[in-house]
Amino acid sequence: MRLPHRIPRRRGYYLIGLLIVLAIIAYLTYRQLKPEEKAAQVTQAQVYIDRSRDTLCESNRLAIGQNLTMWRVDHPTETLSLDGMRQANFSIPTCPKGGVYTISPDGSQVYCSVHFPDPAAPSAPKPLPATPRAL
C-alpha cells in the first residue's frame, strides 16, 4: 500500500510568523512602558492645575471688585478697606496659592501678592550672598 503524497513543510513560514508576533509584542510593550510620555502627561496636568489657580485668583479679584462697588454705594463716606468690608459681612475670597489681596489707593484695582502684585508695593528684600568665613 502506498502512502498518500505528503507536501513538504516549509519551516521558513513558521520562523517569519514567529518573528512578526515577537515584533508586535515588543512594540506594544514599548508603547506601554514609555516613561517620557507619562512624564509629559503629568507635567501637562500640572500646568493645567497651575492655570486653573490663576483663573480662580482672577475670578476672586473680580468678585472683590464687585464687592468694592457695592461698598461704595452702601458706605459713600467711609474709606475703602478689605477689613471694613469683612466687618460689614462682605464675602472676601482668598487666593488659592495663599496670596494676599490688596486694593489700590483709589480703589480701582485689586492686587494679589502672588498672581498680580501691586507695582507700587515695595518688593521683598533679597537675601545677601553668603560670605566665606575666615579661619
N, C-alpha and C. Protein backbone atom coordinates (compact mmCIF):
# COMPACT_ATOMS: atom_id res chain seq x y z
N MET A 1 0.83 -1.14 0.00
CA MET A 1 0.00 0.00 0.00
C MET A 1 0.90 1.23 0.00
N ARG A 2 0.46 2.15 -0.77
CA ARG A 2 1.24 3.34 -0.93
C ARG A 2 0.66 4.47 -0.08
N LEU A 3 1.56 5.20 0.62
CA LEU A 3 1.12 6.32 1.46
C LEU A 3 0.80 7.52 0.57
N PRO A 4 -0.18 8.30 0.98
CA PRO A 4 -0.50 9.48 0.17
C PRO A 4 0.69 10.43 0.10
N HIS A 5 0.74 11.11 -0.96
CA HIS A 5 1.85 12.02 -1.18
C HIS A 5 1.77 13.18 -0.18
N ARG A 6 2.83 13.39 0.52
CA ARG A 6 2.86 14.46 1.52
C ARG A 6 3.50 15.70 0.91
N ILE A 7 2.94 16.84 1.29
CA ILE A 7 3.52 18.11 0.87
C ILE A 7 4.60 18.44 1.88
N PRO A 8 5.79 18.74 1.42
CA PRO A 8 6.84 19.05 2.39
C PRO A 8 6.51 20.36 3.14
N ARG A 9 6.80 20.37 4.41
CA ARG A 9 6.54 21.55 5.24
C ARG A 9 7.57 22.62 4.93
N ARG A 10 7.12 23.80 5.00
CA ARG A 10 8.03 24.91 4.79
C ARG A 10 8.25 25.58 6.14
N ARG A 11 9.38 25.29 6.73
CA ARG A 11 9.68 25.80 8.06
C ARG A 11 9.97 27.30 8.05
N GLY A 12 10.28 27.87 6.94
CA GLY A 12 10.57 29.29 6.86
C GLY A 12 9.35 30.14 7.22
N TYR A 13 8.17 29.70 6.87
CA TYR A 13 6.97 30.45 7.19
C TYR A 13 6.74 30.50 8.69
N TYR A 14 7.02 29.45 9.41
CA TYR A 14 6.86 29.44 10.86
C TYR A 14 7.80 30.46 11.51
N LEU A 15 9.03 30.50 11.01
CA LEU A 15 10.01 31.42 11.57
C LEU A 15 9.59 32.88 11.32
N ILE A 16 9.12 33.19 10.13
CA ILE A 16 8.68 34.56 9.82
C ILE A 16 7.47 34.93 10.67
N GLY A 17 6.53 34.04 10.82
CA GLY A 17 5.35 34.30 11.66
C GLY A 17 5.73 34.55 13.10
N LEU A 18 6.67 33.75 13.61
CA LEU A 18 7.13 33.92 14.98
C LEU A 18 7.82 35.28 15.15
N LEU A 19 8.64 35.67 14.18
CA LEU A 19 9.31 36.97 14.26
C LEU A 19 8.30 38.12 14.22
N ILE A 20 7.27 38.01 13.42
CA ILE A 20 6.24 39.06 13.36
C ILE A 20 5.51 39.18 14.70
N VAL A 21 5.15 38.05 15.28
CA VAL A 21 4.47 38.07 16.59
C VAL A 21 5.38 38.69 17.65
N LEU A 22 6.65 38.32 17.67
CA LEU A 22 7.58 38.90 18.64
C LEU A 22 7.75 40.40 18.42
N ALA A 23 7.77 40.85 17.16
CA ALA A 23 7.89 42.28 16.88
C ALA A 23 6.66 43.04 17.38
N ILE A 24 5.49 42.47 17.20
CA ILE A 24 4.26 43.12 17.67
C ILE A 24 4.26 43.21 19.19
N ILE A 25 4.65 42.14 19.87
CA ILE A 25 4.71 42.14 21.33
C ILE A 25 5.73 43.16 21.82
N ALA A 26 6.88 43.22 21.18
CA ALA A 26 7.90 44.19 21.59
C ALA A 26 7.40 45.62 21.39
N TYR A 27 6.71 45.90 20.30
CA TYR A 27 6.18 47.23 20.04
C TYR A 27 5.13 47.61 21.08
N LEU A 28 4.23 46.71 21.38
CA LEU A 28 3.19 47.00 22.38
C LEU A 28 3.79 47.21 23.77
N THR A 29 4.80 46.44 24.10
CA THR A 29 5.47 46.61 25.39
C THR A 29 6.18 47.96 25.45
N TYR A 30 6.82 48.35 24.37
CA TYR A 30 7.50 49.65 24.31
C TYR A 30 6.49 50.78 24.49
N ARG A 31 5.34 50.68 23.82
CA ARG A 31 4.32 51.72 23.93
C ARG A 31 3.77 51.80 25.36
N GLN A 32 3.69 50.67 26.02
CA GLN A 32 3.14 50.65 27.37
C GLN A 32 4.11 51.20 28.39
N LEU A 33 5.39 51.06 28.17
CA LEU A 33 6.39 51.40 29.18
C LEU A 33 7.16 52.68 28.88
N LYS A 34 6.69 53.53 27.97
CA LYS A 34 7.43 54.75 27.65
C LYS A 34 7.33 55.73 28.81
N PRO A 35 8.42 55.97 29.55
CA PRO A 35 8.33 56.87 30.70
C PRO A 35 8.28 58.35 30.30
N GLU A 36 8.87 58.71 29.16
CA GLU A 36 8.88 60.11 28.76
C GLU A 36 7.47 60.62 28.50
N GLU A 37 6.65 59.79 27.87
CA GLU A 37 5.30 60.21 27.53
C GLU A 37 4.47 60.41 28.79
N LYS A 38 4.63 59.50 29.76
CA LYS A 38 3.87 59.63 31.01
C LYS A 38 4.34 60.85 31.79
N ALA A 39 5.63 61.12 31.78
CA ALA A 39 6.14 62.31 32.46
C ALA A 39 5.61 63.57 31.80
N ALA A 40 5.50 63.57 30.47
CA ALA A 40 4.97 64.73 29.77
C ALA A 40 3.50 64.95 30.12
N GLN A 41 2.74 63.86 30.26
CA GLN A 41 1.33 63.98 30.63
C GLN A 41 1.19 64.55 32.04
N VAL A 42 2.04 64.12 32.97
CA VAL A 42 1.99 64.65 34.33
C VAL A 42 2.34 66.13 34.34
N THR A 43 3.37 66.50 33.59
CA THR A 43 3.76 67.91 33.52
C THR A 43 2.64 68.75 32.92
N GLN A 44 1.99 68.25 31.89
CA GLN A 44 0.89 68.98 31.27
C GLN A 44 -0.26 69.13 32.26
N ALA A 45 -0.55 68.10 33.03
CA ALA A 45 -1.61 68.18 34.03
C ALA A 45 -1.27 69.22 35.09
N GLN A 46 0.01 69.29 35.50
CA GLN A 46 0.41 70.28 36.49
C GLN A 46 0.26 71.69 35.94
N VAL A 47 0.56 71.87 34.67
CA VAL A 47 0.41 73.19 34.05
C VAL A 47 -1.06 73.60 34.06
N TYR A 48 -1.95 72.65 33.73
CA TYR A 48 -3.37 72.97 33.75
C TYR A 48 -3.84 73.31 35.16
N ILE A 49 -3.32 72.62 36.16
CA ILE A 49 -3.69 72.91 37.54
C ILE A 49 -3.22 74.31 37.90
N ASP A 50 -1.99 74.67 37.52
CA ASP A 50 -1.48 76.00 37.81
C ASP A 50 -2.33 77.07 37.12
N ARG A 51 -2.72 76.84 35.90
CA ARG A 51 -3.55 77.80 35.19
C ARG A 51 -4.92 77.92 35.84
N SER A 52 -5.45 76.83 36.35
CA SER A 52 -6.76 76.91 36.99
C SER A 52 -6.68 77.74 38.26
N ARG A 53 -5.57 77.67 38.98
CA ARG A 53 -5.41 78.51 40.17
C ARG A 53 -5.30 79.97 39.78
N ASP A 54 -4.60 80.26 38.69
CA ASP A 54 -4.52 81.64 38.22
C ASP A 54 -5.90 82.17 37.84
N THR A 55 -6.67 81.33 37.16
CA THR A 55 -8.02 81.72 36.76
C THR A 55 -8.91 81.93 37.98
N LEU A 56 -8.78 81.07 38.98
CA LEU A 56 -9.57 81.21 40.20
C LEU A 56 -9.20 82.50 40.93
N CYS A 57 -7.92 82.83 40.96
CA CYS A 57 -7.48 84.08 41.59
C CYS A 57 -8.06 85.27 40.84
N GLU A 58 -8.03 85.23 39.52
CA GLU A 58 -8.61 86.32 38.72
C GLU A 58 -10.09 86.47 39.01
N SER A 59 -10.80 85.34 39.11
CA SER A 59 -12.22 85.38 39.42
C SER A 59 -12.45 85.98 40.82
N ASN A 60 -11.61 85.60 41.77
CA ASN A 60 -11.74 86.16 43.12
C ASN A 60 -11.50 87.67 43.11
N ARG A 61 -10.52 88.13 42.36
CA ARG A 61 -10.24 89.56 42.30
C ARG A 61 -11.41 90.31 41.67
N LEU A 62 -12.06 89.72 40.65
CA LEU A 62 -13.24 90.35 40.06
C LEU A 62 -14.39 90.41 41.06
N ALA A 63 -14.55 89.34 41.85
CA ALA A 63 -15.60 89.33 42.87
C ALA A 63 -15.35 90.40 43.93
N ILE A 64 -14.09 90.57 44.33
CA ILE A 64 -13.76 91.62 45.30
C ILE A 64 -14.03 92.99 44.69
N GLY A 65 -13.73 93.17 43.40
CA GLY A 65 -14.03 94.43 42.72
C GLY A 65 -15.52 94.74 42.73
N GLN A 66 -16.35 93.72 42.53
CA GLN A 66 -17.80 93.92 42.59
C GLN A 66 -18.23 94.27 44.01
N ASN A 67 -17.62 93.62 44.99
CA ASN A 67 -17.93 93.95 46.39
C ASN A 67 -17.52 95.38 46.71
N LEU A 68 -16.40 95.84 46.14
CA LEU A 68 -15.97 97.22 46.35
C LEU A 68 -17.00 98.20 45.80
N THR A 69 -17.57 97.89 44.64
CA THR A 69 -18.59 98.75 44.06
C THR A 69 -19.81 98.82 44.98
N MET A 70 -20.23 97.68 45.52
CA MET A 70 -21.37 97.68 46.45
C MET A 70 -21.02 98.43 47.73
N TRP A 71 -19.77 98.30 48.19
CA TRP A 71 -19.33 99.02 49.39
C TRP A 71 -19.40 100.53 49.18
N ARG A 72 -18.97 100.97 48.00
CA ARG A 72 -19.02 102.41 47.71
C ARG A 72 -20.45 102.94 47.71
N VAL A 73 -21.39 102.13 47.23
CA VAL A 73 -22.79 102.56 47.19
C VAL A 73 -23.36 102.59 48.61
N ASP A 74 -23.07 101.56 49.41
CA ASP A 74 -23.63 101.47 50.76
C ASP A 74 -22.93 102.39 51.76
N HIS A 75 -21.64 102.64 51.59
CA HIS A 75 -20.84 103.43 52.54
C HIS A 75 -20.06 104.51 51.79
N PRO A 76 -20.74 105.54 51.29
CA PRO A 76 -20.04 106.53 50.46
C PRO A 76 -19.04 107.38 51.22
N THR A 77 -19.18 107.52 52.51
CA THR A 77 -18.28 108.40 53.25
C THR A 77 -17.08 107.67 53.85
N GLU A 78 -17.14 106.37 53.92
CA GLU A 78 -16.05 105.61 54.55
C GLU A 78 -14.96 105.28 53.54
N THR A 79 -13.76 105.08 54.05
CA THR A 79 -12.64 104.72 53.18
C THR A 79 -12.72 103.25 52.81
N LEU A 80 -12.16 102.94 51.66
CA LEU A 80 -12.16 101.56 51.19
C LEU A 80 -11.12 100.75 51.95
N SER A 81 -11.53 99.62 52.47
CA SER A 81 -10.59 98.70 53.10
C SER A 81 -11.21 97.31 53.11
N LEU A 82 -10.37 96.31 52.95
CA LEU A 82 -10.88 94.94 52.99
C LEU A 82 -11.34 94.57 54.39
N ASP A 83 -10.66 95.10 55.41
CA ASP A 83 -11.08 94.81 56.79
C ASP A 83 -12.46 95.39 57.07
N GLY A 84 -12.72 96.61 56.59
CA GLY A 84 -14.04 97.22 56.77
C GLY A 84 -15.11 96.42 56.05
N MET A 85 -14.77 95.89 54.89
CA MET A 85 -15.73 95.07 54.15
C MET A 85 -16.01 93.76 54.88
N ARG A 86 -14.97 93.16 55.47
CA ARG A 86 -15.18 91.93 56.23
C ARG A 86 -16.08 92.18 57.45
N GLN A 87 -15.87 93.30 58.12
CA GLN A 87 -16.70 93.62 59.29
C GLN A 87 -18.14 93.89 58.90
N ALA A 88 -18.35 94.36 57.66
CA ALA A 88 -19.71 94.60 57.18
C ALA A 88 -20.30 93.34 56.54
N ASN A 89 -19.67 92.20 56.77
CA ASN A 89 -20.15 90.89 56.30
C ASN A 89 -20.13 90.75 54.77
N PHE A 90 -19.21 91.42 54.12
CA PHE A 90 -19.00 91.18 52.70
C PHE A 90 -18.12 89.95 52.55
N SER A 91 -18.40 89.17 51.52
CA SER A 91 -17.62 87.96 51.26
C SER A 91 -16.31 88.34 50.56
N ILE A 92 -15.19 88.04 51.23
CA ILE A 92 -13.87 88.30 50.65
C ILE A 92 -13.19 86.95 50.45
N PRO A 93 -13.10 86.46 49.21
CA PRO A 93 -12.45 85.16 48.98
C PRO A 93 -10.95 85.24 49.21
N THR A 94 -10.33 84.08 49.30
CA THR A 94 -8.89 84.00 49.49
C THR A 94 -8.22 83.46 48.24
N CYS A 95 -6.95 83.78 48.08
CA CYS A 95 -6.18 83.32 46.93
C CYS A 95 -5.91 81.82 47.07
N PRO A 96 -6.03 81.04 45.99
CA PRO A 96 -5.79 79.60 46.09
C PRO A 96 -4.34 79.23 46.37
N LYS A 97 -3.40 80.14 46.08
CA LYS A 97 -1.99 79.85 46.35
C LYS A 97 -1.49 80.55 47.61
N GLY A 98 -2.40 81.13 48.39
CA GLY A 98 -2.00 81.76 49.64
C GLY A 98 -1.61 83.22 49.51
N GLY A 99 -1.91 83.85 48.40
CA GLY A 99 -1.59 85.26 48.22
C GLY A 99 -2.50 86.14 49.06
N VAL A 100 -2.10 87.39 49.21
CA VAL A 100 -2.87 88.36 49.99
C VAL A 100 -3.42 89.40 49.02
N TYR A 101 -4.72 89.67 49.13
CA TYR A 101 -5.35 90.67 48.27
C TYR A 101 -5.20 92.05 48.89
N THR A 102 -4.89 93.04 48.05
CA THR A 102 -4.82 94.43 48.47
C THR A 102 -5.55 95.28 47.44
N ILE A 103 -5.89 96.50 47.86
CA ILE A 103 -6.63 97.41 47.00
C ILE A 103 -5.72 98.59 46.68
N SER A 104 -5.82 99.10 45.45
CA SER A 104 -5.07 100.31 45.10
C SER A 104 -5.63 101.49 45.89
N PRO A 105 -4.86 102.55 46.08
CA PRO A 105 -5.34 103.69 46.88
C PRO A 105 -6.64 104.30 46.36
N ASP A 106 -6.82 104.33 45.06
CA ASP A 106 -8.07 104.90 44.54
C ASP A 106 -9.19 103.87 44.45
N GLY A 107 -8.89 102.61 44.75
CA GLY A 107 -9.91 101.56 44.76
C GLY A 107 -10.28 101.03 43.39
N SER A 108 -9.49 101.33 42.39
CA SER A 108 -9.83 100.88 41.04
C SER A 108 -9.27 99.50 40.72
N GLN A 109 -8.26 99.05 41.45
CA GLN A 109 -7.63 97.76 41.17
C GLN A 109 -7.57 96.91 42.44
N VAL A 110 -7.66 95.61 42.24
CA VAL A 110 -7.44 94.66 43.32
C VAL A 110 -6.21 93.86 42.95
N TYR A 111 -5.25 93.80 43.85
CA TYR A 111 -3.98 93.12 43.58
C TYR A 111 -3.88 91.85 44.42
N CYS A 112 -3.13 90.90 43.90
CA CYS A 112 -2.81 89.66 44.63
C CYS A 112 -1.29 89.59 44.73
N SER A 113 -0.80 89.28 45.91
CA SER A 113 0.66 89.26 46.10
C SER A 113 1.34 88.16 45.31
N VAL A 114 0.61 87.14 44.89
CA VAL A 114 1.21 86.03 44.14
C VAL A 114 0.99 86.19 42.63
N HIS A 115 -0.25 86.39 42.21
CA HIS A 115 -0.57 86.37 40.79
C HIS A 115 -0.51 87.74 40.12
N PHE A 116 -0.90 88.79 40.82
CA PHE A 116 -0.99 90.12 40.23
C PHE A 116 -0.52 91.13 41.25
N PRO A 117 0.81 91.20 41.48
CA PRO A 117 1.31 92.06 42.55
C PRO A 117 1.15 93.55 42.24
N ASP A 118 1.03 94.32 43.30
CA ASP A 118 0.92 95.77 43.20
C ASP A 118 2.26 96.34 42.74
N PRO A 119 2.31 97.05 41.62
CA PRO A 119 3.60 97.57 41.16
C PRO A 119 4.17 98.65 42.08
N ALA A 120 3.32 99.32 42.85
CA ALA A 120 3.80 100.37 43.74
C ALA A 120 4.28 99.82 45.08
N ALA A 121 3.95 98.56 45.37
CA ALA A 121 4.35 97.97 46.65
C ALA A 121 5.84 97.69 46.65
N PRO A 122 6.49 97.87 47.79
CA PRO A 122 7.92 97.57 47.85
C PRO A 122 8.13 96.07 47.71
N SER A 123 9.16 95.70 46.98
CA SER A 123 9.45 94.28 46.80
C SER A 123 10.14 93.74 48.04
N ALA A 124 10.08 92.46 48.18
CA ALA A 124 10.72 91.82 49.34
C ALA A 124 12.23 91.96 49.23
N PRO A 125 12.90 92.19 50.33
CA PRO A 125 14.36 92.33 50.26
C PRO A 125 15.02 91.03 49.83
N LYS A 126 16.04 91.16 49.01
CA LYS A 126 16.76 89.99 48.54
C LYS A 126 17.79 89.59 49.59
N PRO A 127 17.99 88.29 49.81
CA PRO A 127 18.99 87.87 50.80
C PRO A 127 20.38 88.21 50.33
N LEU A 128 21.24 88.55 51.28
CA LEU A 128 22.61 88.85 50.96
C LEU A 128 23.36 87.58 50.60
N PRO A 129 24.32 87.66 49.69
CA PRO A 129 25.07 86.45 49.34
C PRO A 129 25.96 86.04 50.52
N ALA A 130 26.17 84.76 50.63
CA ALA A 130 26.98 84.23 51.72
C ALA A 130 28.44 84.63 51.53
N THR A 131 29.06 85.03 52.61
CA THR A 131 30.49 85.40 52.55
C THR A 131 31.30 84.28 53.18
N PRO A 132 32.46 83.99 52.62
CA PRO A 132 33.29 82.94 53.21
C PRO A 132 33.82 83.36 54.58
N ARG A 133 33.83 82.45 55.49
CA ARG A 133 34.31 82.75 56.83
C ARG A 133 35.82 82.52 56.90
N ALA A 134 36.47 83.39 57.60
CA ALA A 134 37.91 83.25 57.78
C ALA A 134 38.17 82.27 58.93
N LEU A 135 39.22 81.52 58.78
CA LEU A 135 39.56 80.55 59.84
C LEU A 135 40.32 81.16 60.93
